[in-house]
Protein backbone atom coordinates (compact mmCIF):
# COMPACT_ATOMS: atom_id res chain seq x y z
CA MET A 1 2.20 10.18 9.52
CA VAL A 2 0.10 7.04 10.26
CA GLU A 3 -2.57 9.59 11.94
CA LEU A 4 -3.01 11.02 8.94
CA VAL A 5 -3.94 8.37 7.07
CA ARG A 6 -6.27 6.69 9.66
CA GLU A 7 -7.68 10.85 9.63
CA MET A 8 -8.06 10.41 5.55
CA TYR A 9 -9.69 6.99 5.71
CA LEU A 10 -12.08 8.63 8.10
CA ALA A 11 -12.70 11.08 5.62
CA HIS A 12 -13.20 8.98 2.50
CA GLY A 13 -15.34 6.76 5.07
CA GLU A 14 -17.54 9.67 5.75
CA GLY A 15 -17.65 10.82 1.79
CA LYS A 16 -15.09 13.96 2.86
CA THR A 17 -12.96 13.04 -0.57
CA VAL A 18 -13.45 12.45 -3.96
CA ASN A 19 -11.25 9.35 -5.41
CA PRO A 20 -12.49 8.30 -9.27
CA PRO A 21 -11.27 5.29 -10.63
CA SER A 22 -7.38 4.82 -10.85
CA TYR A 23 -6.90 4.84 -14.97
CA PHE A 24 -4.26 1.97 -16.37
CA LEU A 25 -1.66 3.05 -19.01
CA THR A 26 -0.52 -0.33 -19.85
CA LEU A 27 1.89 -0.66 -22.69
CA PRO A 28 2.06 -3.99 -25.07
CA ALA A 29 5.98 -3.74 -25.84
CA LEU A 30 6.34 -3.99 -22.16
CA PRO A 31 3.16 -6.39 -20.51
CA SER A 32 4.64 -6.92 -17.41
CA SER A 33 5.66 -2.95 -16.85
CA ARG A 34 2.74 0.01 -16.22
CA ILE A 35 1.25 3.42 -15.36
CA ILE A 36 -0.82 3.98 -13.06
CA ALA A 37 -3.31 8.07 -13.07
CA LEU A 38 -4.98 8.46 -9.25
CA PRO A 39 -7.01 11.72 -9.72
CA GLY A 40 -8.32 12.72 -6.40
CA ALA A 41 -9.03 15.39 -4.42
CA THR A 42 -9.52 16.04 -0.56
CA GLU A 43 -11.32 19.03 1.41
CA ARG A 44 -7.88 21.06 1.25
CA VAL A 45 -6.46 20.07 -2.09
CA ALA A 46 -6.65 18.29 -5.92
CA GLY A 47 -4.37 16.66 -7.74
CA VAL A 48 -3.13 13.51 -9.68
CA LYS A 49 -0.35 10.96 -8.78
CA TRP A 50 1.19 9.35 -11.69
CA ILE A 51 3.02 6.25 -10.81
CA SER A 52 4.63 4.14 -12.81
CA SER A 53 5.65 0.34 -12.02
CA TRP A 54 8.70 -0.72 -14.23
CA PRO A 55 9.87 -4.30 -12.52
CA SER A 56 12.95 -4.96 -15.01
CA ASN A 57 14.20 -2.47 -13.08
CA THR A 58 15.30 -4.89 -10.17
CA ALA A 59 17.53 -6.55 -11.99
CA SER A 60 19.81 -3.77 -11.82
CA GLY A 61 18.73 -2.55 -8.50
CA LEU A 62 16.80 0.35 -9.66
CA PRO A 63 13.45 0.77 -7.34
CA ARG A 64 9.84 -0.60 -9.38
CA ALA A 65 8.41 2.56 -8.65
CA SER A 66 8.90 6.55 -9.78
CA GLY A 67 6.48 9.65 -10.43
CA ALA A 68 5.76 12.61 -9.34
CA ILE A 69 2.54 13.96 -7.49
CA LEU A 70 0.63 17.38 -9.06
CA LEU A 71 -1.18 19.36 -6.32
CA ASN A 72 -3.66 21.85 -7.84
CA ASP A 73 -4.91 24.69 -5.37
CA LEU A 74 -9.09 24.71 -4.94
CA ALA A 75 -8.97 28.72 -4.82
CA THR A 76 -8.18 28.58 -8.65
CA GLY A 77 -7.43 25.85 -9.75
CA TYR A 78 -4.13 26.51 -10.22
CA PRO A 79 -1.21 24.13 -9.55
CA ILE A 80 1.09 25.10 -6.69
CA ALA A 81 3.60 22.27 -6.46
CA CYS A 82 5.11 18.84 -8.39
CA VAL A 83 6.27 16.43 -5.90
CA GLU A 84 8.30 13.22 -6.33
CA THR A 85 5.66 10.86 -5.37
CA SER A 86 8.06 7.01 -4.99
CA ILE A 87 8.98 7.50 -1.22
CA ILE A 88 5.59 8.80 -0.94
CA SER A 89 3.78 6.27 -2.13
CA ALA A 90 6.26 3.72 -0.03
CA ALA A 91 5.08 5.82 2.45
CA ARG A 92 1.48 5.79 2.84
CA THR A 93 1.95 2.03 2.45
CA ALA A 94 3.31 1.23 5.19
CA ALA A 95 1.69 3.55 6.72
CA SER A 96 -1.89 2.44 5.69
CA ALA A 97 -0.37 -1.09 6.46
CA ALA A 98 0.53 -0.59 9.91
CA LEU A 99 -2.45 1.34 10.68
CA ALA A 100 -4.38 -1.96 10.00
CA ALA A 101 -2.65 -4.45 11.37
CA ASP A 102 -3.22 -2.06 14.34
CA VAL A 103 -7.06 -2.13 14.42
CA LEU A 104 -6.85 -5.38 13.32
CA ALA A 105 -4.54 -7.20 16.03
CA GLY A 106 -5.99 -4.91 18.67
CA SER A 107 -3.46 -5.63 22.00
CA ASP A 108 -2.52 -9.20 20.79
CA ARG A 109 0.17 -7.92 18.08
CA PRO A 110 1.70 -11.28 16.84
CA ALA A 111 5.29 -11.84 17.11
CA ARG A 112 6.57 -13.35 14.26
CA VAL A 113 6.80 -11.77 10.78
CA GLY A 114 6.56 -13.20 7.33
CA PHE A 115 7.36 -10.97 4.30
CA ILE A 116 6.89 -12.00 1.46
CA GLY A 117 8.41 -9.37 -1.22
CA ALA A 118 11.80 -8.35 0.17
CA GLY A 119 11.50 -4.95 -1.79
CA LEU A 120 11.32 -0.90 -0.63
CA ILE A 121 7.90 -1.32 0.44
CA ALA A 122 8.55 -4.45 2.61
CA ARG A 123 11.09 -2.09 4.08
CA HIS A 124 9.33 0.61 4.60
CA ILE A 125 6.84 -1.61 6.26
CA HIS A 126 8.90 -3.35 8.32
CA THR A 127 10.79 0.58 9.44
CA THR A 128 7.07 1.93 10.21
CA LEU A 129 5.72 -1.22 12.01
CA THR A 130 8.47 -1.38 13.92
CA GLU A 131 8.32 3.11 14.36
CA CYS A 132 4.93 2.23 15.80
CA GLY A 133 5.73 0.32 18.92
CA TRP A 134 5.78 -3.25 16.97
CA ARG A 135 8.15 -5.71 18.38
CA PHE A 136 9.23 -9.50 16.55
CA ASP A 137 10.86 -12.13 17.67
CA GLN A 138 11.10 -13.23 14.36
CA VAL A 139 11.16 -11.62 10.64
CA GLY A 140 11.21 -14.75 8.29
CA VAL A 141 11.91 -13.40 4.57
CA HIS A 142 10.99 -14.95 1.03
CA ASP A 143 11.52 -13.80 -2.17
CA LEU A 144 12.11 -15.73 -5.82
CA VAL A 145 15.53 -13.27 -6.37
CA GLY A 146 18.25 -14.13 -4.19
CA ALA A 147 19.67 -10.46 -3.95
CA SER A 148 16.25 -8.87 -2.85
CA ALA A 149 16.48 -11.38 0.49
CA ASP A 150 19.83 -10.75 0.87
CA GLY A 151 19.29 -6.99 0.63
CA PHE A 152 16.50 -7.74 3.34
CA LEU A 153 18.20 -9.54 5.77
CA GLY A 154 21.00 -6.85 5.45
CA TYR A 155 18.43 -4.38 6.12
CA LEU A 156 17.31 -6.11 9.62
CA GLU A 157 21.02 -6.58 10.72
CA ARG A 158 21.27 -2.49 10.46
CA THR A 159 17.66 -2.66 12.67
CA GLU A 160 16.96 -3.56 16.25
CA ASP A 161 15.79 -6.53 14.93
CA SER A 162 19.60 -7.38 14.03
CA GLY A 163 19.74 -11.23 14.10
CA LYS A 164 15.82 -12.07 14.44
CA GLY A 165 15.56 -12.16 10.55
CA LYS A 166 15.49 -15.67 8.99
CA ARG A 167 15.18 -16.77 5.09
CA PHE A 168 12.93 -19.16 4.12
CA ASP A 169 13.45 -20.48 0.46
CA ASP A 170 9.74 -22.75 1.04
CA VAL A 171 6.94 -19.97 1.03
CA GLY A 172 4.30 -22.80 2.31
CA GLU A 173 7.20 -22.46 5.04
CA LEU A 174 7.10 -19.02 6.01
CA ILE A 175 3.08 -18.68 5.46
CA ARG A 176 3.00 -21.41 8.70
CA ASP A 177 5.43 -19.85 10.83
CA SER A 178 4.51 -16.39 10.63
CA ASP A 179 1.57 -14.67 12.58
CA LEU A 180 1.32 -11.64 10.73
CA ILE A 181 1.85 -11.63 6.77
CA VAL A 182 3.37 -9.08 4.03
CA LEU A 183 2.76 -9.44 1.10
CA ALA A 184 4.94 -7.14 -1.37
CA THR A 185 5.75 -8.81 -4.11
CA VAL A 186 5.51 -7.66 -7.89
CA ALA A 187 3.05 -10.19 -9.08
CA ALA A 188 0.52 -9.99 -11.53
CA THR A 189 -1.15 -13.46 -11.14
CA PRO A 190 -2.06 -15.63 -7.58
CA HIS A 191 0.31 -17.89 -6.41
CA LEU A 192 -0.62 -18.82 -3.19
CA ASP A 193 -3.16 -21.00 -3.66
CA ASN A 194 -2.69 -23.70 -0.95
CA PRO A 195 -5.07 -23.18 1.43
CA GLU A 196 -4.17 -24.70 4.54
CA TRP A 197 -0.59 -23.02 4.40
CA PHE A 198 -3.26 -20.40 5.90
CA GLY A 199 -4.63 -22.75 8.34
CA HIS A 200 -3.32 -21.08 11.29
CA HIS A 201 -5.33 -18.31 10.77
CA PRO A 202 -2.90 -15.09 10.55
CA LEU A 203 -3.36 -11.57 9.30
CA VAL A 204 -2.31 -11.31 6.28
CA LEU A 205 -1.54 -7.77 4.53
CA HIS A 206 -2.24 -8.21 1.28
CA VAL A 207 -0.79 -4.79 -0.04
CA SER A 208 -0.26 -6.39 -3.90
CA LEU A 209 -3.06 -7.14 -4.27
CA ARG A 210 -2.87 -10.14 -6.44
CA ASP A 211 -1.04 -12.79 -4.60
CA LEU A 212 -3.84 -15.38 -3.04
CA ALA A 213 -5.88 -17.65 -4.30
CA VAL A 214 -9.50 -17.58 -4.92
CA ASP A 215 -10.16 -21.03 -2.34
CA VAL A 216 -7.44 -18.49 0.22
CA VAL A 217 -9.61 -14.86 -0.76
CA LEU A 218 -12.72 -17.20 0.27
CA ASP A 219 -11.86 -19.18 3.28
CA ALA A 220 -10.92 -15.42 4.65
CA THR A 221 -12.49 -12.56 6.30
CA ASN A 222 -11.75 -9.87 3.90
CA VAL A 223 -11.19 -5.75 4.43
CA VAL A 224 -10.31 -3.25 1.67
CA ASP A 225 -9.69 0.35 1.85
CA ASP A 226 -12.23 0.59 -1.07
CA VAL A 227 -14.34 -2.28 -2.53
CA ASP A 228 -15.01 -0.71 -5.56
CA HIS A 229 -11.31 0.21 -6.27
CA CYS A 230 -9.73 -3.19 -4.77
CA LEU A 231 -11.97 -5.50 -6.91
CA ARG A 232 -11.09 -4.50 -10.53
CA ALA A 233 -8.39 -4.85 -12.98
CA ASN A 234 -7.78 -8.71 -11.61
CA THR A 235 -7.02 -8.27 -8.21
CA SER A 236 -7.62 -12.06 -6.38
CA LEU A 237 -10.70 -9.91 -4.70
CA HIS A 238 -11.86 -9.23 -8.14
CA LEU A 239 -10.96 -12.63 -9.29
CA ALA A 240 -13.09 -13.84 -6.49
CA GLU A 241 -16.49 -12.25 -7.45
CA GLN A 242 -15.68 -13.30 -11.12
CA ARG A 243 -15.97 -16.84 -9.36
CA VAL A 244 -18.65 -16.33 -7.34
CA GLY A 245 -20.81 -13.55 -8.64
CA ASN A 246 -21.00 -11.54 -5.79
CA ARG A 247 -18.87 -9.44 -3.13
CA ASP A 248 -20.63 -11.08 0.02
CA PHE A 249 -17.37 -12.60 1.15
CA VAL A 250 -15.74 -8.26 1.85
CA ALA A 251 -16.56 -8.21 5.49
CA GLY A 252 -16.41 -4.45 4.57
CA THR A 253 -13.54 -1.80 4.37
CA LEU A 254 -11.11 -0.34 7.27
CA TYR A 255 -13.48 2.46 7.86
CA ASP A 256 -15.70 0.49 9.42
CA VAL A 257 -12.97 -1.49 11.23
CA LEU A 258 -11.65 2.27 12.69
CA THR A 259 -15.33 3.25 13.49
CA GLY A 260 -16.41 -0.15 15.26
CA LYS A 261 -19.14 -1.25 12.90
CA ILE A 262 -17.33 -4.90 12.13
CA SER A 263 -13.88 -6.49 13.98
CA ARG A 264 -11.82 -9.18 12.78
CA ASP A 265 -12.79 -12.51 13.24
CA ALA A 266 -10.50 -14.43 15.62
CA GLY A 267 -11.72 -18.32 13.65
CA ARG A 268 -10.24 -17.18 10.10
CA THR A 269 -7.67 -16.38 8.69
CA CYS A 270 -8.11 -12.28 8.12
CA VAL A 271 -6.81 -10.01 4.48
CA PHE A 272 -6.68 -6.55 4.53
CA SER A 273 -6.26 -5.71 1.02
CA PRO A 274 -5.19 -1.89 0.37
CA PHE A 275 -5.59 -0.90 -3.53
CA GLY A 276 -4.19 2.54 -2.01
CA LEU A 277 -5.96 5.12 -2.59
CA GLY A 278 -4.65 8.81 -4.36
CA MET A 279 -6.15 10.55 -1.74
CA LEU A 280 -3.92 9.44 0.50
CA ASP A 281 -1.06 10.03 -0.93
CA LEU A 282 -2.48 13.77 -1.61
CA ALA A 283 -3.00 14.49 1.58
CA LEU A 284 1.15 13.28 2.66
CA ALA A 285 2.09 15.53 -0.45
CA THR A 286 0.17 18.63 0.53
CA ALA A 287 1.85 17.85 4.49
CA ILE A 288 4.91 17.65 3.01
CA TYR A 289 4.34 20.80 0.29
CA GLU A 290 3.35 22.59 3.69
CA GLU A 291 6.23 21.92 6.36
CA LEU A 292 8.91 23.06 3.24
CA ARG A 293 6.24 25.93 2.61
CA ASP A 294 6.57 27.72 6.23
CA ALA A 295 9.90 26.59 6.72
CA GLY A 296 11.19 29.06 3.41
CA ARG A 297 12.23 25.19 1.68
CA LEU A 298 10.43 25.36 -1.17
CA GLN A 299 12.13 25.10 -4.66
CA THR A 300 9.67 28.09 -6.62
CA VAL A 301 10.13 27.83 -10.68
CA ASP A 302 9.76 31.78 -10.99
CA GLY A 303 7.91 32.81 -14.25
CA PHE A 304 6.86 28.96 -15.14
CA PHE A 305 3.07 30.46 -15.16
CA HIS A 306 3.90 32.75 -18.89
CA GLU A 307 1.24 34.61 -18.83
CA LEU A 308 -1.77 35.39 -15.06
CA ASP A 309 -3.23 38.60 -16.32
CA ARG A 310 -5.97 37.13 -18.67
CA TYR A 311 -6.46 40.54 -20.63
CA GLY A 312 -2.67 40.57 -21.52
CA ARG A 313 -2.10 44.19 -19.51
């Protein structure tokens, strides 16, 4: 999965994908909720990811995100599959984060990781990091919802990191005590506003995009998956652009890191902010579709297209 994500980032950097801006459906009566449409195309398939974010779900133990991906055949334009996407999205997010952590950390992998936000995405990122060979001496956890922190610590007890989980009530203490920090919250506006917390120059996977205050962003080396996508919709980086009037604080993209054009500056905090490009989800959904098809395990809907003869014969 991580290798597929790597291949797609390289293809995107070489202009072999189509990834237009996402479209946000917001509801005045539910200001914290939204549904996002992410259209895109690879060299093999076109499609759209339609994913909702309902933070209020978490109060009842229901996952925040749900959605579907519609895949279209490039030969005919016809839809060929509808694929559940909340787990694909979480897995893709985790693979992207693990890839970035690998290439930005290099051989000097941090042994103390801290998770701010302890939901489904955090769990998938931890699982993917460990499956990619990361080993931790400490796994710090901070979440404003106590049940979420408890749930994540319970998950850790069922993994090889059993006994290594440490709950932090003070978010600044967690940041100062972690060399790899994963931000996976539902925050709508920046809340991590003290640059001194990052004085030890950790590697930050800013998956939720809106956690870091502008002063923290401007004090860091910033790597993104796509500049135009990340600097919109009032993300932390977009707010930084609005303040300074330029994008000079963005060092480059993950493609630039993968191809050796830029590298991490060990003397500065390094922040990876991935918008989450729809073409990554499409690539993963396509791989799942093809595996099921080749194994004869597709669930098909006969007669879904009412008429396939344009002349009605």
